[in-house]
Amino acid sequence: MDFLISPAYAQAGGQAGGIMPTLIMVGLFFVFMYFMIIRPQMKRQKEHKKLLESLDKGVEVVTSGGVAGKIRQVGENFIVVEVSEGVEIRIQKNAVASVVPKGTLDSL
């Protein structure tokens, strides 16, 4: 049966590159990840925290669910948003996605 299967011979070994190039590549990968993913995310978190601290009564906001309204009451963790005449809902502060300029809701 040996005539059907050709014998496999080991190739001559190449030169060992060492561990230094591998460590450099791993280091460059982590630097890339920091500047492309981690740093921008931390910047967005800081901006969102600043936005939440600036919320006050009368400010017009849009939530992450797409609900737009005017803030009527601000608590520690929740806010009351008036979405229509006489219709108020209580939402978490973290759900506020953005603040819109005054008068934007009146023009809708």
N, C-alpha and C. Protein backbone atom coordinates (compact mmCIF):
# COMPACT_ATOMS: atom_id res chain seq x y z
N MET A 1 0.80 -1.19 0.00
CA MET A 1 0.00 0.00 0.00
C MET A 1 0.85 1.27 0.00
N ASP A 2 2.11 1.15 0.26
CA ASP A 2 2.98 2.33 0.31
C ASP A 2 3.10 3.02 -1.05
N PHE A 3 2.85 2.34 -2.11
CA PHE A 3 2.99 2.96 -3.43
C PHE A 3 1.84 3.93 -3.74
N LEU A 4 0.69 3.90 -2.97
CA LEU A 4 -0.42 4.83 -3.17
C LEU A 4 -0.25 6.14 -2.41
N ILE A 5 0.47 6.08 -1.35
CA ILE A 5 0.66 7.26 -0.50
C ILE A 5 2.12 7.66 -0.53
N SER A 6 2.37 8.88 -0.94
CA SER A 6 3.77 9.32 -0.99
C SER A 6 4.24 9.68 0.41
N PRO A 7 5.46 9.40 0.73
CA PRO A 7 5.98 9.71 2.06
C PRO A 7 6.09 11.22 2.27
N ALA A 8 5.80 11.67 3.49
CA ALA A 8 5.89 13.09 3.84
C ALA A 8 7.18 13.31 4.61
N TYR A 9 8.00 14.20 4.11
CA TYR A 9 9.25 14.51 4.76
C TYR A 9 9.16 15.90 5.38
N ALA A 10 9.77 16.07 6.51
CA ALA A 10 9.78 17.37 7.19
C ALA A 10 10.65 18.34 6.42
N GLN A 11 10.20 19.59 6.36
CA GLN A 11 10.98 20.61 5.70
C GLN A 11 12.07 21.10 6.65
N ALA A 12 13.04 21.72 6.08
CA ALA A 12 14.12 22.28 6.89
C ALA A 12 13.55 23.42 7.72
N GLY A 13 13.91 23.50 8.98
CA GLY A 13 13.40 24.53 9.88
C GLY A 13 13.89 25.91 9.50
N GLY A 14 12.99 26.88 9.65
CA GLY A 14 13.35 28.26 9.34
C GLY A 14 14.04 28.91 10.53
N GLN A 15 14.46 30.10 10.35
CA GLN A 15 15.13 30.82 11.41
C GLN A 15 14.11 31.31 12.43
N ALA A 16 14.37 31.14 13.70
CA ALA A 16 13.46 31.59 14.75
C ALA A 16 13.51 33.10 14.83
N GLY A 17 12.31 33.74 14.88
CA GLY A 17 12.24 35.20 14.90
C GLY A 17 12.36 35.76 16.31
N GLY A 18 12.09 34.98 17.31
CA GLY A 18 12.15 35.47 18.67
C GLY A 18 10.79 35.98 19.12
N ILE A 19 10.73 36.42 20.35
CA ILE A 19 9.47 36.86 20.94
C ILE A 19 9.28 38.38 20.84
N MET A 20 10.34 39.10 20.57
CA MET A 20 10.27 40.55 20.55
C MET A 20 9.28 41.10 19.50
N PRO A 21 9.30 40.64 18.27
CA PRO A 21 8.33 41.16 17.29
C PRO A 21 6.88 40.87 17.71
N THR A 22 6.64 39.74 18.33
CA THR A 22 5.30 39.40 18.80
C THR A 22 4.87 40.36 19.90
N LEU A 23 5.73 40.66 20.83
CA LEU A 23 5.41 41.60 21.91
C LEU A 23 5.15 43.00 21.37
N ILE A 24 5.90 43.40 20.38
CA ILE A 24 5.70 44.72 19.78
C ILE A 24 4.33 44.78 19.09
N MET A 25 3.96 43.72 18.39
CA MET A 25 2.66 43.69 17.71
C MET A 25 1.51 43.72 18.73
N VAL A 26 1.63 42.99 19.82
CA VAL A 26 0.59 43.00 20.85
C VAL A 26 0.49 44.40 21.47
N GLY A 27 1.64 45.01 21.74
CA GLY A 27 1.64 46.37 22.29
C GLY A 27 0.99 47.37 21.34
N LEU A 28 1.31 47.28 20.06
CA LEU A 28 0.70 48.18 19.08
C LEU A 28 -0.80 47.94 18.97
N PHE A 29 -1.23 46.69 19.10
CA PHE A 29 -2.66 46.37 19.08
C PHE A 29 -3.38 47.05 20.23
N PHE A 30 -2.81 47.00 21.44
CA PHE A 30 -3.46 47.63 22.59
C PHE A 30 -3.46 49.16 22.48
N VAL A 31 -2.42 49.73 21.94
CA VAL A 31 -2.40 51.18 21.72
C VAL A 31 -3.48 51.56 20.71
N PHE A 32 -3.61 50.80 19.65
CA PHE A 32 -4.65 51.03 18.65
C PHE A 32 -6.03 50.94 19.28
N MET A 33 -6.27 49.90 20.09
CA MET A 33 -7.57 49.72 20.74
C MET A 33 -7.87 50.90 21.67
N TYR A 34 -6.87 51.39 22.38
CA TYR A 34 -7.08 52.51 23.30
C TYR A 34 -7.53 53.75 22.54
N PHE A 35 -6.82 54.09 21.48
CA PHE A 35 -7.13 55.33 20.77
C PHE A 35 -8.37 55.23 19.88
N MET A 36 -8.73 54.05 19.44
CA MET A 36 -9.87 53.91 18.53
C MET A 36 -11.17 53.55 19.24
N ILE A 37 -11.09 52.91 20.41
CA ILE A 37 -12.31 52.45 21.06
C ILE A 37 -12.46 53.01 22.48
N ILE A 38 -11.49 52.81 23.32
CA ILE A 38 -11.62 53.14 24.74
C ILE A 38 -11.67 54.64 24.97
N ARG A 39 -10.76 55.38 24.39
CA ARG A 39 -10.70 56.83 24.61
C ARG A 39 -11.95 57.56 24.11
N PRO A 40 -12.44 57.29 22.89
CA PRO A 40 -13.68 57.96 22.46
C PRO A 40 -14.88 57.61 23.33
N GLN A 41 -14.96 56.36 23.81
CA GLN A 41 -16.07 55.97 24.67
C GLN A 41 -16.01 56.72 26.00
N MET A 42 -14.84 56.88 26.57
CA MET A 42 -14.70 57.63 27.82
C MET A 42 -15.09 59.08 27.60
N LYS A 43 -14.74 59.64 26.44
CA LYS A 43 -15.09 61.03 26.14
C LYS A 43 -16.61 61.19 26.03
N ARG A 44 -17.29 60.22 25.37
CA ARG A 44 -18.75 60.26 25.27
C ARG A 44 -19.41 60.15 26.63
N GLN A 45 -18.88 59.29 27.50
CA GLN A 45 -19.43 59.14 28.84
C GLN A 45 -19.30 60.43 29.63
N LYS A 46 -18.17 61.10 29.50
CA LYS A 46 -17.95 62.36 30.20
C LYS A 46 -18.92 63.44 29.71
N GLU A 47 -19.14 63.51 28.39
CA GLU A 47 -20.06 64.49 27.82
C GLU A 47 -21.50 64.20 28.26
N HIS A 48 -21.89 62.93 28.32
CA HIS A 48 -23.25 62.57 28.73
C HIS A 48 -23.47 62.90 30.21
N LYS A 49 -22.45 62.67 31.03
CA LYS A 49 -22.55 63.01 32.45
C LYS A 49 -22.72 64.52 32.62
N LYS A 50 -21.97 65.29 31.85
CA LYS A 50 -22.08 66.75 31.89
C LYS A 50 -23.48 67.20 31.45
N LEU A 51 -24.02 66.53 30.41
CA LEU A 51 -25.37 66.83 29.93
C LEU A 51 -26.40 66.57 31.02
N LEU A 52 -26.28 65.45 31.72
CA LEU A 52 -27.24 65.10 32.76
C LEU A 52 -27.18 66.07 33.94
N GLU A 53 -25.99 66.55 34.24
CA GLU A 53 -25.84 67.52 35.33
C GLU A 53 -26.44 68.88 34.97
N SER A 54 -26.52 69.18 33.68
CA SER A 54 -27.02 70.49 33.25
C SER A 54 -28.54 70.51 33.08
N LEU A 55 -29.22 69.39 33.29
CA LEU A 55 -30.68 69.35 33.13
C LEU A 55 -31.34 70.21 34.18
N ASP A 56 -32.32 70.99 33.75
CA ASP A 56 -33.05 71.90 34.64
C ASP A 56 -34.48 72.00 34.16
N LYS A 57 -35.33 72.54 34.99
CA LYS A 57 -36.73 72.70 34.66
C LYS A 57 -36.89 73.61 33.44
N GLY A 58 -37.75 73.20 32.49
CA GLY A 58 -38.01 74.01 31.30
C GLY A 58 -37.15 73.65 30.10
N VAL A 59 -36.17 72.79 30.27
CA VAL A 59 -35.30 72.40 29.17
C VAL A 59 -36.02 71.36 28.30
N GLU A 60 -35.90 71.49 26.99
CA GLU A 60 -36.51 70.53 26.06
C GLU A 60 -35.50 69.43 25.75
N VAL A 61 -35.96 68.17 25.90
CA VAL A 61 -35.06 67.03 25.73
C VAL A 61 -35.69 65.98 24.82
N VAL A 62 -34.83 65.11 24.31
CA VAL A 62 -35.24 63.91 23.57
C VAL A 62 -34.61 62.73 24.28
N THR A 63 -35.42 61.71 24.56
CA THR A 63 -34.92 60.53 25.27
C THR A 63 -34.32 59.53 24.28
N SER A 64 -33.66 58.52 24.81
CA SER A 64 -33.08 57.49 23.96
C SER A 64 -34.17 56.67 23.26
N GLY A 65 -35.39 56.69 23.79
CA GLY A 65 -36.50 56.00 23.15
C GLY A 65 -37.20 56.85 22.09
N GLY A 66 -36.79 58.09 21.93
CA GLY A 66 -37.36 58.95 20.91
C GLY A 66 -38.47 59.85 21.41
N VAL A 67 -38.74 59.85 22.72
CA VAL A 67 -39.79 60.70 23.28
C VAL A 67 -39.23 62.11 23.48
N ALA A 68 -39.94 63.10 22.96
CA ALA A 68 -39.51 64.48 23.10
C ALA A 68 -40.46 65.20 24.04
N GLY A 69 -39.90 66.04 24.89
CA GLY A 69 -40.74 66.78 25.81
C GLY A 69 -39.97 67.83 26.57
N LYS A 70 -40.70 68.52 27.46
CA LYS A 70 -40.12 69.60 28.26
C LYS A 70 -40.05 69.13 29.71
N ILE A 71 -38.92 69.35 30.36
CA ILE A 71 -38.73 68.91 31.74
C ILE A 71 -39.58 69.79 32.66
N ARG A 72 -40.35 69.13 33.52
CA ARG A 72 -41.18 69.83 34.50
C ARG A 72 -40.63 69.70 35.91
N GLN A 73 -39.93 68.60 36.19
CA GLN A 73 -39.40 68.39 37.54
C GLN A 73 -38.13 67.55 37.42
N VAL A 74 -37.12 67.91 38.21
CA VAL A 74 -35.85 67.20 38.19
C VAL A 74 -35.60 66.62 39.57
N GLY A 75 -35.40 65.30 39.62
CA GLY A 75 -35.05 64.62 40.86
C GLY A 75 -33.62 64.13 40.79
N GLU A 76 -33.25 63.30 41.77
CA GLU A 76 -31.88 62.80 41.81
C GLU A 76 -31.64 61.78 40.69
N ASN A 77 -32.58 60.84 40.51
CA ASN A 77 -32.42 59.81 39.49
C ASN A 77 -33.47 59.88 38.39
N PHE A 78 -34.58 60.55 38.63
CA PHE A 78 -35.68 60.61 37.67
C PHE A 78 -36.02 62.06 37.34
N ILE A 79 -36.63 62.24 36.18
CA ILE A 79 -37.16 63.54 35.79
C ILE A 79 -38.59 63.34 35.30
N VAL A 80 -39.39 64.39 35.42
CA VAL A 80 -40.76 64.37 34.91
C VAL A 80 -40.75 65.22 33.65
N VAL A 81 -41.20 64.59 32.53
CA VAL A 81 -41.18 65.25 31.23
C VAL A 81 -42.62 65.39 30.75
N GLU A 82 -42.96 66.63 30.34
CA GLU A 82 -44.28 66.86 29.76
C GLU A 82 -44.17 66.64 28.25
N VAL A 83 -44.86 65.61 27.75
CA VAL A 83 -44.77 65.28 26.34
C VAL A 83 -45.89 65.93 25.53
N SER A 84 -46.97 66.31 26.22
CA SER A 84 -48.09 66.99 25.57
C SER A 84 -48.82 67.78 26.66
N GLU A 85 -49.74 68.62 26.28
CA GLU A 85 -50.50 69.40 27.27
C GLU A 85 -51.13 68.46 28.28
N GLY A 86 -50.71 68.55 29.52
CA GLY A 86 -51.29 67.77 30.60
C GLY A 86 -50.83 66.32 30.66
N VAL A 87 -49.95 65.89 29.79
CA VAL A 87 -49.44 64.51 29.81
C VAL A 87 -47.99 64.53 30.25
N GLU A 88 -47.75 63.98 31.44
CA GLU A 88 -46.39 63.95 32.00
C GLU A 88 -45.98 62.51 32.23
N ILE A 89 -44.71 62.23 31.96
CA ILE A 89 -44.17 60.90 32.22
C ILE A 89 -42.91 61.05 33.07
N ARG A 90 -42.66 60.01 33.85
CA ARG A 90 -41.46 59.98 34.69
C ARG A 90 -40.46 59.04 34.04
N ILE A 91 -39.25 59.54 33.79
CA ILE A 91 -38.21 58.72 33.17
C ILE A 91 -36.91 58.86 33.95
N GLN A 92 -36.02 57.92 33.73
CA GLN A 92 -34.70 58.00 34.36
C GLN A 92 -33.87 59.08 33.66
N LYS A 93 -33.02 59.72 34.44
CA LYS A 93 -32.16 60.75 33.86
C LYS A 93 -31.26 60.18 32.78
N ASN A 94 -30.79 58.95 32.97
CA ASN A 94 -29.87 58.34 32.00
C ASN A 94 -30.51 58.13 30.64
N ALA A 95 -31.85 58.16 30.57
CA ALA A 95 -32.55 57.95 29.29
C ALA A 95 -32.52 59.19 28.41
N VAL A 96 -32.09 60.32 28.93
CA VAL A 96 -32.03 61.55 28.13
C VAL A 96 -30.86 61.42 27.15
N ALA A 97 -31.17 61.51 25.86
CA ALA A 97 -30.15 61.37 24.84
C ALA A 97 -29.57 62.72 24.43
N SER A 98 -30.44 63.75 24.35
CA SER A 98 -29.93 65.05 23.93
C SER A 98 -30.87 66.16 24.39
N VAL A 99 -30.31 67.35 24.42
CA VAL A 99 -31.07 68.56 24.73
C VAL A 99 -31.25 69.30 23.41
N VAL A 100 -32.48 69.70 23.13
CA VAL A 100 -32.76 70.43 21.88
C VAL A 100 -32.94 71.90 22.20
N PRO A 101 -32.71 72.78 21.24
CA PRO A 101 -32.88 74.21 21.48
C PRO A 101 -34.32 74.55 21.84
N LYS A 102 -34.49 75.61 22.64
CA LYS A 102 -35.84 76.03 23.05
C LYS A 102 -36.66 76.39 21.83
N GLY A 103 -37.93 75.98 21.88
CA GLY A 103 -38.85 76.27 20.80
C GLY A 103 -38.89 75.19 19.73
N THR A 104 -38.03 74.21 19.82
CA THR A 104 -38.01 73.15 18.82
C THR A 104 -39.27 72.33 18.86
N LEU A 105 -39.75 72.03 20.06
CA LEU A 105 -40.96 71.21 20.19
C LEU A 105 -42.20 71.95 19.72
N ASP A 106 -42.21 73.27 19.84
CA ASP A 106 -43.38 74.05 19.39
C ASP A 106 -43.47 74.04 17.87
N SER A 107 -42.34 73.91 17.19
CA SER A 107 -42.35 73.94 15.72
C SER A 107 -42.69 72.57 15.12
N LEU A 108 -42.77 71.55 15.94
CA LEU A 108 -43.08 70.21 15.41
C LEU A 108 -44.54 70.02 15.15
